[in-house]
Amino acid sequence: VPGLKNFGTIDPLHVKRVVVAEDGNSPVSINLALSNIEVLGFSNTKVLEASFDQTKYITKLKFVVPDIKILSDYEGKGRVLTLPLNGNGKAQMDIKNLTANVICKLKRRDEYGMKFTDIQKVRMDIDVGGFHINLENLFNGQEVLEQTANNLFNDNWKELFEALRPSITATIQTVLEDRYKKLFAYIPATYFIEDLE
């Protein structure tokens, strides 16, 4: 976005650190810290639905991202299904057809003779059509065990994703909320909403 210096790029999207912590009675109990994250694919986003409620100042969006690739460093400990995990190294995740439903609560602000809408709150639900993960150096270089573990994750990707869904959703929501707030605070709302009263 020209002139918006603290926004950065959307594709690739760079995130410094994300922590995924799922401790509980589910088949997945894992603490995974991702750092130096690069997310590729958001430039192919397709908006399926968009609406704005003039009285409540609520925007609803539904969009799909066909292919997302996430590259990062990782540190992980825990258990997935019956497999104990303890490792650190490079991680790659591929997500197919990520569909997001987003609701934004906005607040009107008039400044410099223009209308702005500042974001007050964001809520998001996501679903995916496919999820593939590869973690290197899971068992201190024991490649056969590492490959077995990655195969187990990917053969059971739906269960793995369901267990990680709250953390993944919260992470995406936090990152997008940060970017949305900067964007909406900088660009007048009439650029997005033609008939804003």
C-alpha atoms as a PDB file:
ATOM      1  CA  VAL A   1       0.000   0.000   0.000  1.00  0.00           C
ATOM      2  CA  PRO A   2       1.766   3.204  -1.126  1.00  0.00           C
ATOM      3  CA  GLY A   3       2.654   5.451   1.807  1.00  0.00           C
ATOM      4  CA  LEU A   4       1.700   2.893   4.470  1.00  0.00           C
ATOM      5  CA  LYS A   5       5.149   1.964   5.749  1.00  0.00           C
ATOM      6  CA  ASN A   6       4.216  -0.344   8.647  1.00  0.00           C
ATOM      7  CA  PHE A   7       1.907  -2.566   6.564  1.00  0.00           C
ATOM      8  CA  GLY A   8       4.393  -4.786   4.720  1.00  0.00           C
ATOM      9  CA  THR A   9       3.492  -7.159   1.923  1.00  0.00           C
ATOM     10  CA  ILE A  10       0.524  -9.542   1.914  1.00  0.00           C
ATOM     11  CA  ASP A  11       2.152 -12.031  -0.464  1.00  0.00           C
ATOM     12  CA  PRO A  12       4.561 -13.059   0.805  1.00  0.00           C
ATOM     13  CA  LEU A  13       3.261 -12.355   4.294  1.00  0.00           C
ATOM     14  CA  HIS A  14       5.996 -12.258   6.946  1.00  0.00           C
ATOM     15  CA  VAL A  15       5.283 -13.092  10.584  1.00  0.00           C
ATOM     16  CA  LYS A  16       7.981 -13.164  13.256  1.00  0.00           C
ATOM     17  CA  ARG A  17       6.625 -15.771  15.638  1.00  0.00           C
ATOM     18  CA  VAL A  18       3.525 -17.885  16.276  1.00  0.00           C
ATOM     19  CA  VAL A  19       2.944 -20.319  19.126  1.00  0.00           C
ATOM     20  CA  VAL A  20       0.473 -23.183  18.713  1.00  0.00           C
ATOM     21  CA  ALA A  21      -0.402 -24.782  22.036  1.00  0.00           C
ATOM     22  CA  GLU A  22      -2.950 -27.578  22.179  1.00  0.00           C
ATOM     23  CA  ASP A  23      -2.957 -29.385  25.508  1.00  0.00           C
ATOM     24  CA  GLY A  24      -5.900 -31.516  26.342  1.00  0.00           C
ATOM     25  CA  ASN A  25      -7.638 -34.828  25.995  1.00  0.00           C
ATOM     26  CA  SER A  26      -7.714 -34.772  22.184  1.00  0.00           C
ATOM     27  CA  PRO A  27      -5.484 -37.040  20.069  1.00  0.00           C
ATOM     28  CA  VAL A  28      -3.155 -34.060  19.635  1.00  0.00           C
ATOM     29  CA  SER A  29      -1.254 -32.492  22.521  1.00  0.00           C
ATOM     30  CA  ILE A  30       1.453 -30.269  21.129  1.00  0.00           C
ATOM     31  CA  ASN A  31       3.412 -27.095  21.785  1.00  0.00           C
ATOM     32  CA  LEU A  32       4.717 -25.791  18.488  1.00  0.00           C
ATOM     33  CA  ALA A  33       6.619 -22.517  18.136  1.00  0.00           C
ATOM     34  CA  LEU A  34       7.049 -21.237  14.592  1.00  0.00           C
ATOM     35  CA  SER A  35       9.472 -18.409  13.797  1.00  0.00           C
ATOM     36  CA  ASN A  36      10.713 -16.556  10.699  1.00  0.00           C
ATOM     37  CA  ILE A  37       7.426 -17.403   8.999  1.00  0.00           C
ATOM     38  CA  GLU A  38       6.761 -16.738   5.323  1.00  0.00           C
ATOM     39  CA  VAL A  39       3.218 -17.286   4.018  1.00  0.00           C
ATOM     40  CA  LEU A  40       2.712 -17.510   0.252  1.00  0.00           C
ATOM     41  CA  GLY A  41      -0.552 -17.558  -1.694  1.00  0.00           C
ATOM     42  CA  PHE A  42      -2.759 -14.720  -0.396  1.00  0.00           C
ATOM     43  CA  SER A  43      -2.493 -12.843  -3.718  1.00  0.00           C
ATOM     44  CA  ASN A  44      -4.770 -15.508  -5.241  1.00  0.00           C
ATOM     45  CA  THR A  45      -7.580 -14.840  -2.754  1.00  0.00           C
ATOM     46  CA  LYS A  46     -11.085 -14.842  -4.238  1.00  0.00           C
ATOM     47  CA  VAL A  47     -13.850 -12.948  -2.424  1.00  0.00           C
ATOM     48  CA  LEU A  48     -17.041 -15.016  -2.587  1.00  0.00           C
ATOM     49  CA  GLU A  49     -19.377 -12.706  -0.632  1.00  0.00           C
ATOM     50  CA  ALA A  50     -19.134  -9.207   0.836  1.00  0.00           C
ATOM     51  CA  SER A  51     -21.733  -7.103   2.639  1.00  0.00           C
ATOM     52  CA  PHE A  52     -21.947  -4.005   4.821  1.00  0.00           C
ATOM     53  CA  ASP A  53     -24.673  -3.115   7.314  1.00  0.00           C
ATOM     54  CA  GLN A  54     -25.028   0.713   7.289  1.00  0.00           C
ATOM     55  CA  THR A  55     -26.866   0.853  10.621  1.00  0.00           C
ATOM     56  CA  LYS A  56     -24.693  -1.535  12.664  1.00  0.00           C
ATOM     57  CA  TYR A  57     -21.424  -0.830  10.852  1.00  0.00           C
ATOM     58  CA  ILE A  58     -20.704  -4.525  10.406  1.00  0.00           C
ATOM     59  CA  THR A  59     -18.869  -5.929   7.395  1.00  0.00           C
ATOM     60  CA  LYS A  60     -19.145  -9.597   6.463  1.00  0.00           C
ATOM     61  CA  LEU A  61     -16.698 -11.276   4.097  1.00  0.00           C
ATOM     62  CA  LYS A  62     -16.352 -14.779   2.769  1.00  0.00           C
ATOM     63  CA  PHE A  63     -13.213 -15.573   0.825  1.00  0.00           C
ATOM     64  CA  VAL A  64     -11.202 -18.561  -0.352  1.00  0.00           C
ATOM     65  CA  VAL A  65      -7.457 -18.940  -0.814  1.00  0.00           C
ATOM     66  CA  PRO A  66      -6.799 -21.875  -3.182  1.00  0.00           C
ATOM     67  CA  ASP A  67      -3.220 -22.662  -2.126  1.00  0.00           C
ATOM     68  CA  ILE A  68      -1.252 -21.469   0.884  1.00  0.00           C
ATOM     69  CA  LYS A  69       2.343 -22.444   1.561  1.00  0.00           C
ATOM     70  CA  ILE A  70       3.845 -21.719   4.985  1.00  0.00           C
ATOM     71  CA  LEU A  71       7.616 -21.943   5.459  1.00  0.00           C
ATOM     72  CA  SER A  72       9.200 -21.475   8.883  1.00  0.00           C
ATOM     73  CA  ASP A  73      11.595 -22.632  11.551  1.00  0.00           C
ATOM     74  CA  TYR A  74       9.965 -24.653  14.311  1.00  0.00           C
ATOM     75  CA  GLU A  75      10.457 -26.045  17.810  1.00  0.00           C
ATOM     76  CA  GLY A  76       7.971 -28.670  18.926  1.00  0.00           C
ATOM     77  CA  LYS A  77       7.193 -30.972  21.822  1.00  0.00           C
ATOM     78  CA  GLY A  78       4.159 -33.078  22.563  1.00  0.00           C
ATOM     79  CA  ARG A  79       2.183 -35.965  21.168  1.00  0.00           C
ATOM     80  CA  VAL A  80       0.210 -36.585  17.983  1.00  0.00           C
ATOM     81  CA  LEU A  81      -2.006 -39.675  18.099  1.00  0.00           C
ATOM     82  CA  THR A  82       0.325 -42.251  19.693  1.00  0.00           C
ATOM     83  CA  LEU A  83       3.565 -40.581  18.598  1.00  0.00           C
ATOM     84  CA  PRO A  84       5.693 -38.499  20.986  1.00  0.00           C
ATOM     85  CA  LEU A  85       7.301 -35.432  19.390  1.00  0.00           C
ATOM     86  CA  ASN A  86      10.455 -33.540  20.216  1.00  0.00           C
ATOM     87  CA  GLY A  87      12.340 -31.639  17.561  1.00  0.00           C
ATOM     88  CA  ASN A  88      13.380 -28.413  15.895  1.00  0.00           C
ATOM     89  CA  GLY A  89      14.261 -27.446  12.349  1.00  0.00           C
ATOM     90  CA  LYS A  90      12.469 -26.404   9.170  1.00  0.00           C
ATOM     91  CA  ALA A  91       8.710 -26.740   8.714  1.00  0.00           C
ATOM     92  CA  GLN A  92       6.505 -26.553   5.650  1.00  0.00           C
ATOM     93  CA  MET A  93       2.718 -26.567   5.633  1.00  0.00           C
ATOM     94  CA  ASP A  94       0.497 -26.596   2.563  1.00  0.00           C
ATOM     95  CA  ILE A  95      -3.176 -25.707   2.882  1.00  0.00           C
ATOM     96  CA  LYS A  96      -5.687 -26.257   0.074  1.00  0.00           C
ATOM     97  CA  ASN A  97      -8.850 -24.185  -0.345  1.00  0.00           C
ATOM     98  CA  LEU A  98      -8.806 -22.261   2.910  1.00  0.00           C
ATOM     99  CA  THR A  99     -12.285 -20.734   3.221  1.00  0.00           C
ATOM    100  CA  ALA A 100     -12.754 -17.929   5.731  1.00  0.00           C
ATOM    101  CA  ASN A 101     -15.887 -16.229   7.030  1.00  0.00           C
ATOM    102  CA  VAL A 102     -14.967 -12.891   8.580  1.00  0.00           C
ATOM    103  CA  ILE A 103     -17.131 -10.452  10.530  1.00  0.00           C
ATOM    104  CA  CYS A 104     -15.702  -6.988  11.281  1.00  0.00           C
ATOM    105  CA  LYS A 105     -17.296  -4.518  13.686  1.00  0.00           C
ATOM    106  CA  LEU A 106     -16.414  -1.010  12.536  1.00  0.00           C
ATOM    107  CA  LYS A 107     -16.578   2.473  14.037  1.00  0.00           C
ATOM    108  CA  ARG A 108     -17.031   5.622  11.960  1.00  0.00           C
ATOM    109  CA  ARG A 109     -14.361   8.344  12.163  1.00  0.00           C
ATOM    110  CA  ASP A 110     -14.389  11.644  10.252  1.00  0.00           C
ATOM    111  CA  GLU A 111     -10.978  13.182   9.687  1.00  0.00           C
ATOM    112  CA  TYR A 112      -9.432  15.567   7.125  1.00  0.00           C
ATOM    113  CA  GLY A 113     -12.901  15.935   5.574  1.00  0.00           C
ATOM    114  CA  MET A 114     -13.018  12.184   4.826  1.00  0.00           C
ATOM    115  CA  LYS A 115     -14.869   9.202   6.283  1.00  0.00           C
ATOM    116  CA  PHE A 116     -12.905   6.351   7.849  1.00  0.00           C
ATOM    117  CA  THR A 117     -14.053   3.116   9.489  1.00  0.00           C
ATOM    118  CA  ASP A 118     -11.783   1.875  12.280  1.00  0.00           C
ATOM    119  CA  ILE A 119     -11.937  -1.815  13.107  1.00  0.00           C
ATOM    120  CA  GLN A 120     -13.212  -2.538  16.613  1.00  0.00           C
ATOM    121  CA  LYS A 121     -13.412  -6.317  16.522  1.00  0.00           C
ATOM    122  CA  VAL A 122     -12.813  -9.200  14.104  1.00  0.00           C
ATOM    123  CA  ARG A 123     -14.285 -12.691  14.295  1.00  0.00           C
ATOM    124  CA  MET A 124     -13.293 -15.452  11.922  1.00  0.00           C
ATOM    125  CA  ASP A 125     -14.164 -19.068  11.160  1.00  0.00           C
ATOM    126  CA  ILE A 126     -12.069 -21.139   8.768  1.00  0.00           C
ATOM    127  CA  ASP A 127     -12.294 -24.441   6.961  1.00  0.00           C
ATOM    128  CA  VAL A 128      -9.819 -26.186   4.679  1.00  0.00           C
ATOM    129  CA  GLY A 129     -10.012 -28.688   1.849  1.00  0.00           C
ATOM    130  CA  GLY A 130      -6.597 -30.185   2.511  1.00  0.00           C
ATOM    131  CA  PHE A 131      -3.669 -29.892   4.916  1.00  0.00           C
ATOM    132  CA  HIS A 132      -0.125 -31.246   4.481  1.00  0.00           C
ATOM    133  CA  ILE A 133       2.760 -30.796   6.909  1.00  0.00           C
ATOM    134  CA  ASN A 134       6.440 -31.680   6.839  1.00  0.00           C
ATOM    135  CA  LEU A 135       8.634 -31.226   9.920  1.00  0.00           C
ATOM    136  CA  GLU A 136      12.360 -31.822   9.487  1.00  0.00           C
ATOM    137  CA  ASN A 137      14.618 -33.126  12.264  1.00  0.00           C
ATOM    138  CA  LEU A 138      11.772 -34.452  14.373  1.00  0.00           C
ATOM    139  CA  PHE A 139      13.832 -37.159  16.070  1.00  0.00           C
ATOM    140  CA  ASN A 140      17.399 -35.832  15.998  1.00  0.00           C
ATOM    141  CA  GLY A 141      18.105 -36.931  12.447  1.00  0.00           C
ATOM    142  CA  GLN A 142      16.423 -40.356  12.488  1.00  0.00           C
ATOM    143  CA  GLU A 143      15.077 -40.026   8.957  1.00  0.00           C
ATOM    144  CA  VAL A 144      12.990 -43.212   8.851  1.00  0.00           C
ATOM    145  CA  LEU A 145      11.161 -42.284  12.067  1.00  0.00           C
ATOM    146  CA  GLU A 146      10.774 -38.689  10.841  1.00  0.00           C
ATOM    147  CA  GLN A 147       9.219 -39.846   7.555  1.00  0.00           C
ATOM    148  CA  THR A 148       6.908 -42.236   9.406  1.00  0.00           C
ATOM    149  CA  ALA A 149       5.741 -39.383  11.648  1.00  0.00           C
ATOM    150  CA  ASN A 150       5.129 -36.997   8.743  1.00  0.00           C
ATOM    151  CA  ASN A 151       3.223 -39.728   6.885  1.00  0.00           C
ATOM    152  CA  LEU A 152       1.107 -40.330  10.001  1.00  0.00           C
ATOM    153  CA  PHE A 153       0.310 -36.598  10.247  1.00  0.00           C
ATOM    154  CA  ASN A 154      -0.695 -36.371   6.609  1.00  0.00           C
ATOM    155  CA  ASP A 155      -2.684 -39.628   6.532  1.00  0.00           C
ATOM    156  CA  ASN A 156      -4.684 -38.225   9.461  1.00  0.00           C
ATOM    157  CA  TRP A 157      -4.659 -34.567   8.396  1.00  0.00           C
ATOM    158  CA  LYS A 158      -8.347 -33.976   9.202  1.00  0.00           C
ATOM    159  CA  GLU A 159      -7.915 -35.042  12.838  1.00  0.00           C
ATOM    160  CA  LEU A 160      -4.681 -33.054  13.102  1.00  0.00           C
ATOM    161  CA  PHE A 161      -6.263 -29.950  11.599  1.00  0.00           C
ATOM    162  CA  GLU A 162      -9.349 -30.197  13.825  1.00  0.00           C
ATOM    163  CA  ALA A 163      -7.142 -30.345  16.896  1.00  0.00           C
ATOM    164  CA  LEU A 164      -5.089 -27.381  15.704  1.00  0.00           C
ATOM    165  CA  ARG A 165      -8.055 -25.410  14.280  1.00  0.00           C
ATOM    166  CA  PRO A 166      -8.525 -23.097  17.326  1.00  0.00           C
ATOM    167  CA  SER A 167      -4.851 -22.094  17.339  1.00  0.00           C
ATOM    168  CA  ILE A 168      -4.638 -21.754  13.553  1.00  0.00           C
ATOM    169  CA  THR A 169      -7.858 -19.689  13.441  1.00  0.00           C
ATOM    170  CA  ALA A 170      -6.691 -17.426  16.278  1.00  0.00           C
ATOM    171  CA  THR A 171      -3.325 -16.914  14.582  1.00  0.00           C
ATOM    172  CA  ILE A 172      -4.801 -16.029  11.181  1.00  0.00           C
ATOM    173  CA  GLN A 173      -7.377 -13.781  12.849  1.00  0.00           C
ATOM    174  CA  THR A 174      -4.695 -11.923  14.848  1.00  0.00           C
ATOM    175  CA  VAL A 175      -2.466 -11.376  11.809  1.00  0.00           C
ATOM    176  CA  LEU A 176      -5.338 -10.261   9.552  1.00  0.00           C
ATOM    177  CA  GLU A 177      -6.823  -8.038  12.263  1.00  0.00           C
ATOM    178  CA  ASP A 178      -3.476  -6.259  12.607  1.00  0.00           C
ATOM    179  CA  ARG A 179      -3.259  -5.704   8.825  1.00  0.00           C
ATOM    180  CA  TYR A 180      -6.942  -4.716   8.509  1.00  0.00           C
ATOM    181  CA  LYS A 181      -6.659  -2.140  11.320  1.00  0.00           C
ATOM    182  CA  LYS A 182      -3.670  -0.480   9.660  1.00  0.00           C
ATOM    183  CA  LEU A 183      -5.350  -0.514   6.247  1.00  0.00           C
ATOM    184  CA  PHE A 184      -8.734   0.819   7.383  1.00  0.00           C
ATOM    185  CA  ALA A 185      -7.139   3.507   9.562  1.00  0.00           C
ATOM    186  CA  TYR A 186      -5.136   4.752   6.554  1.00  0.00           C
ATOM    187  CA  ILE A 187      -7.539   4.481   3.589  1.00  0.00           C
ATOM    188  CA  PRO A 188     -10.886   6.338   3.632  1.00  0.00           C
ATOM    189  CA  ALA A 189     -13.888   4.016   3.925  1.00  0.00           C
ATOM    190  CA  THR A 190     -15.438   5.461   0.761  1.00  0.00           C
ATOM    191  CA  TYR A 191     -12.720   3.614  -1.200  1.00  0.00           C
ATOM    192  CA  PHE A 192     -14.295   0.353   0.031  1.00  0.00           C
ATOM    193  CA  ILE A 193     -17.950   1.345   0.514  1.00  0.00           C
ATOM    194  CA  GLU A 194     -19.222   3.569  -2.270  1.00  0.00           C
ATOM    195  CA  ASP A 195     -22.525   4.638  -0.677  1.00  0.00           C
ATOM    196  CA  LEU A 196     -21.324   5.200   2.889  1.00  0.00           C
ATOM    197  CA  GLU A 197     -23.604   7.749   4.580  1.00  0.00           C
END
